[in-house]
């Protein structure tokens, strides 16, 4: 399995919804104009717009790395000022992937391949 799927869970800080939406739009623009291997990148809000879930799918781990590089540290740091972030990644674990998520509130799930 080379495809990487992820779910980002974002809890928006009180009073920061409009800034969050502005930053999310910048992320979506980056995906649409720069990413070459992003297969899905969709935002979903709960009823009161205090939480957001982003469904992400990438061709492979290299495409996920490209996406993160395209988003950049500056935009990521701005996002972390208006929301808290946790998530799950669904992929065949590699040492590089494990190292990339080290210390983050991200859980890694390996594919199950029944005999």
PDB file of N, CA and C in Angstrom:
ATOM      1  N   UNK A   1       0.857  -1.180   0.000  1.00  0.00           N
ATOM      2  CA  UNK A   1       0.000   0.000   0.000  1.00  0.00           C
ATOM      3  C   UNK A   1       0.896   1.235   0.000  1.00  0.00           C
ATOM      4  N   UNK A   2       0.844   2.001  -1.042  1.00  0.00           N
ATOM      5  CA  UNK A   2       1.650   3.215  -1.080  1.00  0.00           C
ATOM      6  C   UNK A   2       0.823   4.458  -0.799  1.00  0.00           C
ATOM      7  N   UNK A   3      -0.493   4.409  -1.047  1.00  0.00           N
ATOM      8  CA  UNK A   3      -1.327   5.576  -0.796  1.00  0.00           C
ATOM      9  C   UNK A   3      -1.345   5.892   0.694  1.00  0.00           C
ATOM     10  N   UNK A   4      -1.372   7.186   1.013  1.00  0.00           N
ATOM     11  CA  UNK A   4      -1.435   7.637   2.392  1.00  0.00           C
ATOM     12  C   UNK A   4      -2.740   8.410   2.572  1.00  0.00           C
ATOM     13  N   UNK A   5      -3.498   8.031   3.594  1.00  0.00           N
ATOM     14  CA  UNK A   5      -4.717   8.762   3.944  1.00  0.00           C
ATOM     15  C   UNK A   5      -4.519   9.346   5.329  1.00  0.00           C
ATOM     16  N   UNK A   6      -5.167  10.472   5.571  1.00  0.00           N
ATOM     17  CA  UNK A   6      -5.041  11.114   6.875  1.00  0.00           C
ATOM     18  C   UNK A   6      -6.333  11.825   7.226  1.00  0.00           C
ATOM     19  N   UNK A   7      -6.559  11.935   8.523  1.00  0.00           N
ATOM     20  CA  UNK A   7      -7.653  12.730   9.055  1.00  0.00           C
ATOM     21  C   UNK A   7      -7.032  13.710  10.035  1.00  0.00           C
ATOM     22  N   UNK A   8      -7.183  14.988   9.759  1.00  0.00           N
ATOM     23  CA  UNK A   8      -6.728  16.031  10.680  1.00  0.00           C
ATOM     24  C   UNK A   8      -7.945  16.525  11.449  1.00  0.00           C
ATOM     25  N   UNK A   9      -7.836  16.565  12.771  1.00  0.00           N
ATOM     26  CA  UNK A   9      -8.912  17.065  13.627  1.00  0.00           C
ATOM     27  C   UNK A   9      -8.466  18.407  14.204  1.00  0.00           C
ATOM     28  N   UNK A  10      -9.249  19.444  13.925  1.00  0.00           N
ATOM     29  CA  UNK A  10      -8.875  20.796  14.306  1.00  0.00           C
ATOM     30  C   UNK A  10      -9.939  21.386  15.226  1.00  0.00           C
ATOM     31  N   UNK A  11      -9.539  21.809  16.408  1.00  0.00           N
ATOM     32  CA  UNK A  11     -10.443  22.482  17.342  1.00  0.00           C
ATOM     33  C   UNK A  11     -10.124  23.970  17.274  1.00  0.00           C
ATOM     34  N   UNK A  12     -11.092  24.724  16.799  1.00  0.00           N
ATOM     35  CA  UNK A  12     -10.887  26.145  16.544  1.00  0.00           C
ATOM     36  C   UNK A  12     -11.035  26.925  17.846  1.00  0.00           C
ATOM     37  N   UNK A  13     -10.041  27.773  18.122  1.00  0.00           N
ATOM     38  CA  UNK A  13     -10.078  28.591  19.332  1.00  0.00           C
ATOM     39  C   UNK A  13     -11.221  29.600  19.247  1.00  0.00           C
ATOM     40  N   UNK A  14     -11.795  29.891  20.401  1.00  0.00           N
ATOM     41  CA  UNK A  14     -12.918  30.819  20.468  1.00  0.00           C
ATOM     42  C   UNK A  14     -12.547  32.168  19.845  1.00  0.00           C
ATOM     43  N   UNK A  15     -13.448  32.663  18.995  1.00  0.00           N
ATOM     44  CA  UNK A  15     -13.249  33.954  18.348  1.00  0.00           C
ATOM     45  C   UNK A  15     -12.298  33.922  17.162  1.00  0.00           C
ATOM     46  N   UNK A  16     -11.845  32.746  16.754  1.00  0.00           N
ATOM     47  CA  UNK A  16     -10.848  32.639  15.685  1.00  0.00           C
ATOM     48  C   UNK A  16     -11.388  31.995  14.411  1.00  0.00           C
ATOM     49  N   UNK A  17     -12.713  31.835  14.306  1.00  0.00           N
ATOM     50  CA  UNK A  17     -13.289  31.133  13.158  1.00  0.00           C
ATOM     51  C   UNK A  17     -12.957  31.822  11.836  1.00  0.00           C
ATOM     52  N   UNK A  18     -13.133  33.117  11.757  1.00  0.00           N
ATOM     53  CA  UNK A  18     -12.896  33.797  10.476  1.00  0.00           C
ATOM     54  C   UNK A  18     -11.428  33.704  10.066  1.00  0.00           C
ATOM     55  N   UNK A  19     -10.523  33.837  11.019  1.00  0.00           N
ATOM     56  CA  UNK A  19      -9.104  33.697  10.712  1.00  0.00           C
ATOM     57  C   UNK A  19      -8.788  32.259  10.294  1.00  0.00           C
ATOM     58  N   UNK A  20      -9.416  31.292  10.958  1.00  0.00           N
ATOM     59  CA  UNK A  20      -9.232  29.893  10.579  1.00  0.00           C
ATOM     60  C   UNK A  20      -9.688  29.677   9.134  1.00  0.00           C
ATOM     61  N   UNK A  21     -10.856  30.188   8.781  1.00  0.00           N
ATOM     62  CA  UNK A  21     -11.377  30.029   7.419  1.00  0.00           C
ATOM     63  C   UNK A  21     -10.435  30.664   6.394  1.00  0.00           C
ATOM     64  N   UNK A  22      -9.881  31.824   6.730  1.00  0.00           N
ATOM     65  CA  UNK A  22      -8.947  32.492   5.824  1.00  0.00           C
ATOM     66  C   UNK A  22      -7.701  31.624   5.601  1.00  0.00           C
ATOM     67  N   UNK A  23      -7.168  31.075   6.679  1.00  0.00           N
ATOM     68  CA  UNK A  23      -5.975  30.233   6.575  1.00  0.00           C
ATOM     69  C   UNK A  23      -6.286  28.921   5.852  1.00  0.00           C
ATOM     70  N   UNK A  24      -7.470  28.351   6.122  1.00  0.00           N
ATOM     71  CA  UNK A  24      -7.873  27.119   5.439  1.00  0.00           C
ATOM     72  C   UNK A  24      -7.972  27.361   3.934  1.00  0.00           C
ATOM     73  N   UNK A  25      -8.485  28.523   3.540  1.00  0.00           N
ATOM     74  CA  UNK A  25      -8.587  28.857   2.111  1.00  0.00           C
ATOM     75  C   UNK A  25      -7.195  28.925   1.483  1.00  0.00           C
ATOM     76  N   UNK A  26      -6.213  29.435   2.214  1.00  0.00           N
ATOM     77  CA  UNK A  26      -4.837  29.463   1.707  1.00  0.00           C
ATOM     78  C   UNK A  26      -4.296  28.049   1.523  1.00  0.00           C
ATOM     79  N   UNK A  27      -4.627  27.158   2.451  1.00  0.00           N
ATOM     80  CA  UNK A  27      -4.199  25.758   2.327  1.00  0.00           C
ATOM     81  C   UNK A  27      -4.818  25.111   1.095  1.00  0.00           C
ATOM     82  N   UNK A  28      -6.113  25.313   0.905  1.00  0.00           N
ATOM     83  CA  UNK A  28      -6.807  24.741  -0.253  1.00  0.00           C
ATOM     84  C   UNK A  28      -6.218  25.300  -1.546  1.00  0.00           C
ATOM     85  N   UNK A  29      -5.950  26.589  -1.569  1.00  0.00           N
ATOM     86  CA  UNK A  29      -5.344  27.201  -2.764  1.00  0.00           C
ATOM     87  C   UNK A  29      -3.978  26.562  -3.052  1.00  0.00           C
ATOM     88  N   UNK A  30      -3.207  26.329  -2.014  1.00  0.00           N
ATOM     89  CA  UNK A  30      -1.901  25.691  -2.185  1.00  0.00           C
ATOM     90  C   UNK A  30      -2.049  24.295  -2.778  1.00  0.00           C
ATOM     91  N   UNK A  31      -3.001  23.541  -2.269  1.00  0.00           N
ATOM     92  CA  UNK A  31      -3.243  22.186  -2.784  1.00  0.00           C
ATOM     93  C   UNK A  31      -3.598  22.239  -4.261  1.00  0.00           C
ATOM     94  N   UNK A  32      -4.492  23.137  -4.609  1.00  0.00           N
ATOM     95  CA  UNK A  32      -4.988  23.214  -5.993  1.00  0.00           C
ATOM     96  C   UNK A  32      -3.944  23.726  -6.984  1.00  0.00           C
ATOM     97  N   UNK A  33      -3.023  24.555  -6.510  1.00  0.00           N
ATOM     98  CA  UNK A  33      -2.081  25.174  -7.445  1.00  0.00           C
ATOM     99  C   UNK A  33      -0.665  24.602  -7.386  1.00  0.00           C
ATOM    100  N   UNK A  34      -0.321  23.901  -6.305  1.00  0.00           N
ATOM    101  CA  UNK A  34       1.062  23.443  -6.153  1.00  0.00           C
ATOM    102  C   UNK A  34       1.223  21.933  -6.034  1.00  0.00           C
ATOM    103  N   UNK A  35       0.299  21.278  -5.354  1.00  0.00           N
ATOM    104  CA  UNK A  35       0.461  19.843  -5.080  1.00  0.00           C
ATOM    105  C   UNK A  35       0.288  19.012  -6.344  1.00  0.00           C
ATOM    106  N   UNK A  36       1.139  18.023  -6.504  1.00  0.00           N
ATOM    107  CA  UNK A  36       1.019  17.144  -7.667  1.00  0.00           C
ATOM    108  C   UNK A  36       0.466  15.767  -7.306  1.00  0.00           C
ATOM    109  N   UNK A  37       0.487  15.398  -6.025  1.00  0.00           N
ATOM    110  CA  UNK A  37       0.056  14.057  -5.652  1.00  0.00           C
ATOM    111  C   UNK A  37      -1.032  14.011  -4.605  1.00  0.00           C
ATOM    112  N   UNK A  38      -1.708  15.143  -4.367  1.00  0.00           N
ATOM    113  CA  UNK A  38      -2.821  15.153  -3.416  1.00  0.00           C
ATOM    114  C   UNK A  38      -4.073  14.684  -4.147  1.00  0.00           C
ATOM    115  N   UNK A  39      -4.677  13.614  -3.639  1.00  0.00           N
ATOM    116  CA  UNK A  39      -5.852  13.011  -4.264  1.00  0.00           C
ATOM    117  C   UNK A  39      -7.159  13.535  -3.671  1.00  0.00           C
ATOM    118  N   UNK A  40      -7.128  13.920  -2.385  1.00  0.00           N
ATOM    119  CA  UNK A  40      -8.314  14.444  -1.713  1.00  0.00           C
ATOM    120  C   UNK A  40      -7.854  15.388  -0.616  1.00  0.00           C
ATOM    121  N   UNK A  41      -8.578  16.489  -0.471  1.00  0.00           N
ATOM    122  CA  UNK A  41      -8.269  17.467   0.573  1.00  0.00           C
ATOM    123  C   UNK A  41      -9.552  18.229   0.844  1.00  0.00           C
ATOM    124  N   UNK A  42     -10.386  17.707   1.753  1.00  0.00           N
ATOM    125  CA  UNK A  42     -11.727  18.235   1.982  1.00  0.00           C
ATOM    126  C   UNK A  42     -11.925  18.610   3.445  1.00  0.00           C
ATOM    127  N   UNK A  43     -12.497  19.801   3.679  1.00  0.00           N
ATOM    128  CA  UNK A  43     -12.797  20.309   5.013  1.00  0.00           C
ATOM    129  C   UNK A  43     -14.264  20.059   5.357  1.00  0.00           C
ATOM    130  N   UNK A  44     -14.525  19.673   6.622  1.00  0.00           N
ATOM    131  CA  UNK A  44     -15.878  19.467   7.131  1.00  0.00           C
ATOM    132  C   UNK A  44     -15.977  20.100   8.518  1.00  0.00           C
ATOM    133  N   UNK A  45     -17.033  20.891   8.753  1.00  0.00           N
ATOM    134  CA  UNK A  45     -17.245  21.543  10.042  1.00  0.00           C
ATOM    135  C   UNK A  45     -18.380  20.870  10.810  1.00  0.00           C
ATOM    136  N   UNK A  46     -18.298  20.927  12.156  1.00  0.00           N
ATOM    137  CA  UNK A  46     -19.424  20.507  12.969  1.00  0.00           C
ATOM    138  C   UNK A  46     -20.486  21.616  12.934  1.00  0.00           C
ATOM    139  N   UNK A  47     -21.637  21.377  13.566  1.00  0.00           N
ATOM    140  CA  UNK A  47     -22.769  22.307  13.465  1.00  0.00           C
ATOM    141  C   UNK A  47     -22.478  23.713  13.979  1.00  0.00           C
ATOM    142  N   UNK A  48     -21.669  23.840  15.027  1.00  0.00           N
ATOM    143  CA  UNK A  48     -21.421  25.178  15.585  1.00  0.00           C
ATOM    144  C   UNK A  48     -20.067  25.761  15.165  1.00  0.00           C
ATOM    145  N   UNK A  49     -19.425  25.137  14.200  1.00  0.00           N
ATOM    146  CA  UNK A  49     -18.168  25.633  13.625  1.00  0.00           C
ATOM    147  C   UNK A  49     -17.057  25.814  14.661  1.00  0.00           C
ATOM    148  N   UNK A  50     -17.039  24.914  15.658  1.00  0.00           N
ATOM    149  CA  UNK A  50     -15.949  24.950  16.634  1.00  0.00           C
ATOM    150  C   UNK A  50     -14.897  23.892  16.332  1.00  0.00           C
ATOM    151  N   UNK A  51     -15.259  22.954  15.467  1.00  0.00           N
ATOM    152  CA  UNK A  51     -14.332  21.889  15.095  1.00  0.00           C
ATOM    153  C   UNK A  51     -14.401  21.633  13.598  1.00  0.00           C
ATOM    154  N   UNK A  52     -13.284  21.199  13.071  1.00  0.00           N
ATOM    155  CA  UNK A  52     -13.186  20.923  11.647  1.00  0.00           C
ATOM    156  C   UNK A  52     -12.396  19.626  11.469  1.00  0.00           C
ATOM    157  N   UNK A  53     -12.804  18.847  10.505  1.00  0.00           N
ATOM    158  CA  UNK A  53     -12.077  17.637  10.146  1.00  0.00           C
ATOM    159  C   UNK A  53     -11.656  17.788   8.690  1.00  0.00           C
ATOM    160  N   UNK A  54     -10.405  17.450   8.415  1.00  0.00           N
ATOM    161  CA  UNK A  54      -9.902  17.500   7.045  1.00  0.00           C
ATOM    162  C   UNK A  54      -9.569  16.077   6.619  1.00  0.00           C
ATOM    163  N   UNK A  55     -10.215  15.612   5.550  1.00  0.00           N
ATOM    164  CA  UNK A  55      -9.890  14.316   4.958  1.00  0.00           C
ATOM    165  C   UNK A  55      -8.833  14.551   3.902  1.00  0.00           C
ATOM    166  N   UNK A  56      -7.727  13.801   4.014  1.00  0.00           N
ATOM    167  CA  UNK A  56      -6.613  13.973   3.091  1.00  0.00           C
ATOM    168  C   UNK A  56      -6.204  12.610   2.527  1.00  0.00           C
ATOM    169  N   UNK A  57      -5.928  12.584   1.235  1.00  0.00           N
ATOM    170  CA  UNK A  57      -5.384  11.381   0.589  1.00  0.00           C
ATOM    171  C   UNK A  57      -4.269  11.809  -0.344  1.00  0.00           C
ATOM    172  N   UNK A  58      -3.192  11.042  -0.285  1.00  0.00           N
ATOM    173  CA  UNK A  58      -2.021  11.339  -1.104  1.00  0.00           C
ATOM    174  C   UNK A  58      -1.597  10.099  -1.875  1.00  0.00           C
ATOM    175  N   UNK A  59      -1.039  10.313  -3.041  1.00  0.00           N
ATOM    176  CA  UNK A  59      -0.563   9.216  -3.891  1.00  0.00           C
ATOM    177  C   UNK A  59       0.416   8.326  -3.121  1.00  0.00           C
ATOM    178  N   UNK A  60       1.288   8.950  -2.320  1.00  0.00           N
ATOM    179  CA  UNK A  60       2.281   8.223  -1.526  1.00  0.00           C
ATOM    180  C   UNK A  60       2.844   9.195  -0.491  1.00  0.00           C
ATOM    181  N   UNK A  61       3.792   8.704   0.300  1.00  0.00           N
ATOM    182  CA  UNK A  61       4.359   9.542   1.357  1.00  0.00           C
ATOM    183  C   UNK A  61       5.108  10.736   0.769  1.00  0.00           C
ATOM    184  N   UNK A  62       5.732  10.562  -0.378  1.00  0.00           N
ATOM    185  CA  UNK A  62       6.428  11.687  -1.028  1.00  0.00           C
ATOM    186  C   UNK A  62       5.441  12.804  -1.364  1.00  0.00           C
ATOM    187  N   UNK A  63       4.236  12.458  -1.803  1.00  0.00           N
ATOM    188  CA  UNK A  63       3.214  13.468  -2.115  1.00  0.00           C
ATOM    189  C   UNK A  63       2.755  14.173  -0.847  1.00  0.00           C
ATOM    190  N   UNK A  64       2.677  13.443   0.259  1.00  0.00           N
ATOM    191  CA  UNK A  64       2.312  14.066   1.532  1.00  0.00           C
ATOM    192  C   UNK A  64       3.399  15.048   1.972  1.00  0.00           C
ATOM    193  N   UNK A  65       4.653  14.651   1.820  1.00  0.00           N
ATOM    194  CA  UNK A  65       5.773  15.548   2.147  1.00  0.00           C
ATOM    195  C   UNK A  65       5.729  16.798   1.271  1.00  0.00           C
ATOM    196  N   UNK A  66       5.435  16.613  -0.013  1.00  0.00           N
ATOM    197  CA  UNK A  66       5.336  17.746  -0.920  1.00  0.00           C
ATOM    198  C   UNK A  66       4.243  18.709  -0.445  1.00  0.00           C
ATOM    199  N   UNK A  67       3.093  18.164  -0.073  1.00  0.00           N
ATOM    200  CA  UNK A  67       1.986  18.987   0.416  1.00  0.00           C
ATOM    201  C   UNK A  67       2.423  19.809   1.626  1.00  0.00           C
ATOM    202  N   UNK A  68       3.065  19.166   2.583  1.00  0.00           N
ATOM    203  CA  UNK A  68       3.495  19.872   3.794  1.00  0.00           C
ATOM    204  C   UNK A  68       4.521  20.953   3.465  1.00  0.00           C
ATOM    205  N   UNK A  69       5.411  20.663   2.535  1.00  0.00           N
ATOM    206  CA  UNK A  69       6.396  21.660   2.111  1.00  0.00           C
ATOM    207  C   UNK A  69       5.701  22.833   1.424  1.00  0.00           C
ATOM    208  N   UNK A  70       4.697  22.541   0.612  1.00  0.00           N
ATOM    209  CA  UNK A  70       3.969  23.602  -0.089  1.00  0.00           C
ATOM    210  C   UNK A  70       3.177  24.478   0.884  1.00  0.00           C
ATOM    211  N   UNK A  71       2.593  23.871   1.900  1.00  0.00           N
ATOM    212  CA  UNK A  71       1.871  24.640   2.922  1.00  0.00           C
ATOM    213  C   UNK A  71       2.870  25.551   3.647  1.00  0.00           C
ATOM    214  N   UNK A  72       4.006  24.983   4.004  1.00  0.00           N
ATOM    215  CA  UNK A  72       5.076  25.764   4.619  1.00  0.00           C
ATOM    216  C   UNK A  72       4.912  25.970   6.114  1.00  0.00           C
ATOM    217  N   UNK A  73       6.031  26.232   6.762  1.00  0.00           N
ATOM    218  CA  UNK A  73       6.051  26.425   8.213  1.00  0.00           C
ATOM    219  C   UNK A  73       5.265  27.665   8.646  1.00  0.00           C
ATOM    220  N   UNK A  74       5.349  28.735   7.875  1.00  0.00           N
ATOM    221  CA  UNK A  74       4.690  29.984   8.266  1.00  0.00           C
ATOM    222  C   UNK A  74       3.175  29.804   8.346  1.00  0.00           C
ATOM    223  N   UNK A  75       2.586  29.186   7.327  1.00  0.00           N
ATOM    224  CA  UNK A  75       1.143  28.959   7.323  1.00  0.00           C
ATOM    225  C   UNK A  75       0.758  27.956   8.404  1.00  0.00           C
ATOM    226  N   UNK A  76       1.563  26.912   8.586  1.00  0.00           N
ATOM    227  CA  UNK A  76       1.267  25.917   9.621  1.00  0.00           C
ATOM    228  C   UNK A  76       1.315  26.557  11.011  1.00  0.00           C
ATOM    229  N   UNK A  77       2.299  27.396  11.258  1.00  0.00           N
ATOM    230  CA  UNK A  77       2.386  28.078  12.557  1.00  0.00           C
ATOM    231  C   UNK A  77       1.203  29.023  12.771  1.00  0.00           C
ATOM    232  N   UNK A  78       0.764  29.691  11.716  1.00  0.00           N
ATOM    233  CA  UNK A  78      -0.406  30.573  11.813  1.00  0.00           C
ATOM    234  C   UNK A  78      -1.651  29.759  12.166  1.00  0.00           C
ATOM    235  N   UNK A  79      -1.799  28.600  11.550  1.00  0.00           N
ATOM    236  CA  UNK A  79      -2.936  27.720  11.866  1.00  0.00           C
ATOM    237  C   UNK A  79      -2.912  27.294  13.327  1.00  0.00           C
ATOM    238  N   UNK A  80      -1.739  26.943  13.816  1.00  0.00           N
ATOM    239  CA  UNK A  80      -1.628  26.470  15.200  1.00  0.00           C
ATOM    240  C   UNK A  80      -1.900  27.573  16.220  1.00  0.00           C
ATOM    241  N   UNK A  81      -1.946  28.825  15.786  1.00  0.00           N
ATOM    242  CA  UNK A  81      -2.316  29.928  16.676  1.00  0.00           C
ATOM    243  C   UNK A  81      -3.826  30.076  16.784  1.00  0.00           C
ATOM    244  N   UNK A  82      -4.580  29.500  15.842  1.00  0.00           N
ATOM    245  CA  UNK A  82      -6.039  29.651  15.860  1.00  0.00           C
ATOM    246  C   UNK A  82      -6.775  28.336  16.113  1.00  0.00           C
ATOM    247  N   UNK A  83      -6.029  27.233  16.179  1.00  0.00           N
ATOM    248  CA  UNK A  83      -6.675  25.945  16.451  1.00  0.00           C
ATOM    249  C   UNK A  83      -5.660  24.980  17.056  1.00  0.00           C
ATOM    250  N   UNK A  84      -6.183  23.957  17.704  1.00  0.00           N
ATOM    251  CA  UNK A  84      -5.331  22.848  18.137  1.00  0.00           C
ATOM    252  C   UNK A  84      -5.538  21.716  17.142  1.00  0.00           C
ATOM    253  N   UNK A  85      -4.532  20.885  16.998  1.00  0.00           N
ATOM    254  CA  UNK A  85      -4.540  19.897  15.924  1.00  0.00           C
ATOM    255  C   UNK A  85      -4.158  18.515  16.453  1.00  0.00           C
ATOM    256  N   UNK A  86      -4.878  17.519  15.996  1.00  0.00           N
ATOM    257  CA  UNK A  86      -4.523  16.119  16.221  1.00  0.00           C
ATOM    258  C   UNK A  86      -4.930  15.367  14.968  1.00  0.00           C
ATOM    259  N   UNK A  87      -4.553  14.097  14.877  1.00  0.00           N
ATOM    260  CA  UNK A  87      -4.952  13.389  13.671  1.00  0.00           C
ATOM    261  C   UNK A  87      -4.555  11.940  13.637  1.00  0.00           C
ATOM    262  N   UNK A  88      -4.905  11.336  12.530  1.00  0.00           N
ATOM    263  CA  UNK A  88      -4.616   9.930  12.262  1.00  0.00           C
ATOM    264  C   UNK A  88      -4.076   9.818  10.850  1.00  0.00           C
ATOM    265  N   UNK A  89      -3.091   8.947  10.686  1.00  0.00           N
ATOM    266  CA  UNK A  89      -2.559   8.639   9.360  1.00  0.00           C
ATOM    267  C   UNK A  89      -2.740   7.151   9.122  1.00  0.00           C
ATOM    268  N   UNK A  90      -3.192   6.818   7.926  1.00  0.00           N
ATOM    269  CA  UNK A  90      -3.440   5.442   7.532  1.00  0.00           C
ATOM    270  C   UNK A  90      -2.492   5.114   6.394  1.00  0.00           C
ATOM    271  N   UNK A  91      -1.456   4.317   6.694  1.00  0.00           N
ATOM    272  CA  UNK A  91      -0.433   4.039   5.685  1.00  0.00           C
ATOM    273  C   UNK A  91       0.449   2.895   6.152  1.00  0.00           C
ATOM    274  N   UNK A  92       1.185   2.338   5.208  1.00  0.00           N
ATOM    275  CA  UNK A  92       2.208   1.365   5.569  1.00  0.00           C
ATOM    276  C   UNK A  92       3.319   2.132   6.275  1.00  0.00           C
ATOM    277  N   UNK A  93       3.595   1.782   7.519  1.00  0.00           N
ATOM    278  CA  UNK A  93       4.590   2.555   8.265  1.00  0.00           C
ATOM    279  C   UNK A  93       5.996   2.371   7.695  1.00  0.00           C
ATOM    280  N   UNK A  94       6.715   3.449   7.629  1.00  0.00           N
ATOM    281  CA  UNK A  94       8.124   3.418   7.249  1.00  0.00           C
ATOM    282  C   UNK A  94       8.879   4.168   8.350  1.00  0.00           C
ATOM    283  N   UNK A  95      10.168   3.929   8.473  1.00  0.00           N
ATOM    284  CA  UNK A  95      10.934   4.687   9.472  1.00  0.00           C
ATOM    285  C   UNK A  95      10.828   6.201   9.245  1.00  0.00           C
ATOM    286  N   UNK A  96      10.810   6.619   7.986  1.00  0.00           N
ATOM    287  CA  UNK A  96      10.710   8.043   7.670  1.00  0.00           C
ATOM    288  C   UNK A  96       9.372   8.628   8.134  1.00  0.00           C
ATOM    289  N   UNK A  97       8.279   7.877   7.919  1.00  0.00           N
ATOM    290  CA  UNK A  97       6.963   8.341   8.350  1.00  0.00           C
ATOM    291  C   UNK A  97       6.904   8.401   9.872  1.00  0.00           C
ATOM    292  N   UNK A  98       7.395   7.372  10.534  1.00  0.00           N
ATOM    293  CA  UNK A  98       7.396   7.368  12.008  1.00  0.00           C
ATOM    294  C   UNK A  98       8.180   8.565  12.548  1.00  0.00           C
ATOM    295  N   UNK A  99       9.309   8.851  11.937  1.00  0.00           N
ATOM    296  CA  UNK A  99      10.125   9.987  12.375  1.00  0.00           C
ATOM    297  C   UNK A  99       9.394  11.311  12.126  1.00  0.00           C
ATOM    298  N   UNK A 100       8.687  11.415  11.006  1.00  0.00           N
ATOM    299  CA  UNK A 100       7.990  12.651  10.644  1.00  0.00           C
ATOM    300  C   UNK A 100       6.899  13.009  11.645  1.00  0.00           C
ATOM    301  N   UNK A 101       6.261  12.025  12.266  1.00  0.00           N
ATOM    302  CA  UNK A 101       5.161  12.304  13.199  1.00  0.00           C
ATOM    303  C   UNK A 101       5.587  12.216  14.662  1.00  0.00           C
ATOM    304  N   UNK A 102       6.838  11.943  14.889  1.00  0.00           N
ATOM    305  CA  UNK A 102       7.366  11.824  16.243  1.00  0.00           C
ATOM    306  C   UNK A 102       7.073  13.088  17.048  1.00  0.00           C
ATOM    307  N   UNK A 103       6.505  12.910  18.229  1.00  0.00           N
ATOM    308  CA  UNK A 103       6.225  14.036  19.113  1.00  0.00           C
ATOM    309  C   UNK A 103       4.948  14.796  18.798  1.00  0.00           C
ATOM    310  N   UNK A 104       4.261  14.435  17.733  1.00  0.00           N
ATOM    311  CA  UNK A 104       3.007  15.099  17.369  1.00  0.00           C
ATOM    312  C   UNK A 104       1.818  14.285  17.867  1.00  0.00           C
ATOM    313  N   UNK A 105       0.678  14.909  18.007  1.00  0.00           N
ATOM    314  CA  UNK A 105      -0.542  14.212  18.428  1.00  0.00           C
ATOM    315  C   UNK A 105      -1.186  13.558  17.207  1.00  0.00           C
ATOM    316  N   UNK A 106      -0.439  12.623  16.618  1.00  0.00           N
ATOM    317  CA  UNK A 106      -0.883  11.912  15.416  1.00  0.00           C
ATOM    318  C   UNK A 106      -0.689  10.423  15.651  1.00  0.00           C
ATOM    319  N   UNK A 107      -1.737   9.665  15.390  1.00  0.00           N
ATOM    320  CA  UNK A 107      -1.678   8.211  15.508  1.00  0.00           C
ATOM    321  C   UNK A 107      -1.492   7.609  14.120  1.00  0.00           C
ATOM    322  N   UNK A 108      -0.729   6.558  14.058  1.00  0.00           N
ATOM    323  CA  UNK A 108      -0.446   5.877  12.798  1.00  0.00           C
ATOM    324  C   UNK A 108      -1.142   4.524  12.799  1.00  0.00           C
ATOM    325  N   UNK A 109      -1.905   4.263  11.734  1.00  0.00           N
ATOM    326  CA  UNK A 109      -2.615   2.996  11.577  1.00  0.00           C
ATOM    327  C   UNK A 109      -2.073   2.279  10.344  1.00  0.00           C
ATOM    328  N   UNK A 110      -1.712   1.009  10.551  1.00  0.00           N
ATOM    329  CA  UNK A 110      -1.186   0.176   9.465  1.00  0.00           C
ATOM    330  C   UNK A 110      -2.316  -0.575   8.794  1.00  0.00           C
ATOM    331  N   UNK A 111      -2.191  -0.830   7.496  1.00  0.00           N
ATOM    332  CA  UNK A 111      -3.239  -1.600   6.807  1.00  0.00           C
ATOM    333  C   UNK A 111      -3.270  -3.037   7.305  1.00  0.00           C
ATOM    334  N   UNK A 112      -4.456  -3.580   7.349  1.00  0.00           N
ATOM    335  CA  UNK A 112      -4.639  -4.982   7.718  1.00  0.00           C
ATOM    336  C   UNK A 112      -4.782  -5.791   6.443  1.00  0.00           C
ATOM    337  N   UNK A 113      -3.939  -6.769   6.309  1.00  0.00           N
ATOM    338  CA  UNK A 113      -3.982  -7.629   5.128  1.00  0.00           C
ATOM    339  C   UNK A 113      -4.209  -9.065   5.577  1.00  0.00           C
ATOM    340  N   UNK A 114      -5.494  -9.504   5.591  1.00  0.00           N
ATOM    341  CA  UNK A 114      -5.802 -10.860   6.063  1.00  0.00           C
ATOM    342  C   UNK A 114      -5.164 -11.909   5.163  1.00  0.00           C
ATOM    343  N   UNK A 115      -4.862 -12.995   5.774  1.00  0.00           N
ATOM    344  CA  UNK A 115      -4.233 -14.115   5.049  1.00  0.00           C
ATOM    345  C   UNK A 115      -5.206 -14.750   4.092  1.00  0.00           C
TER     346      UNK A 115
END
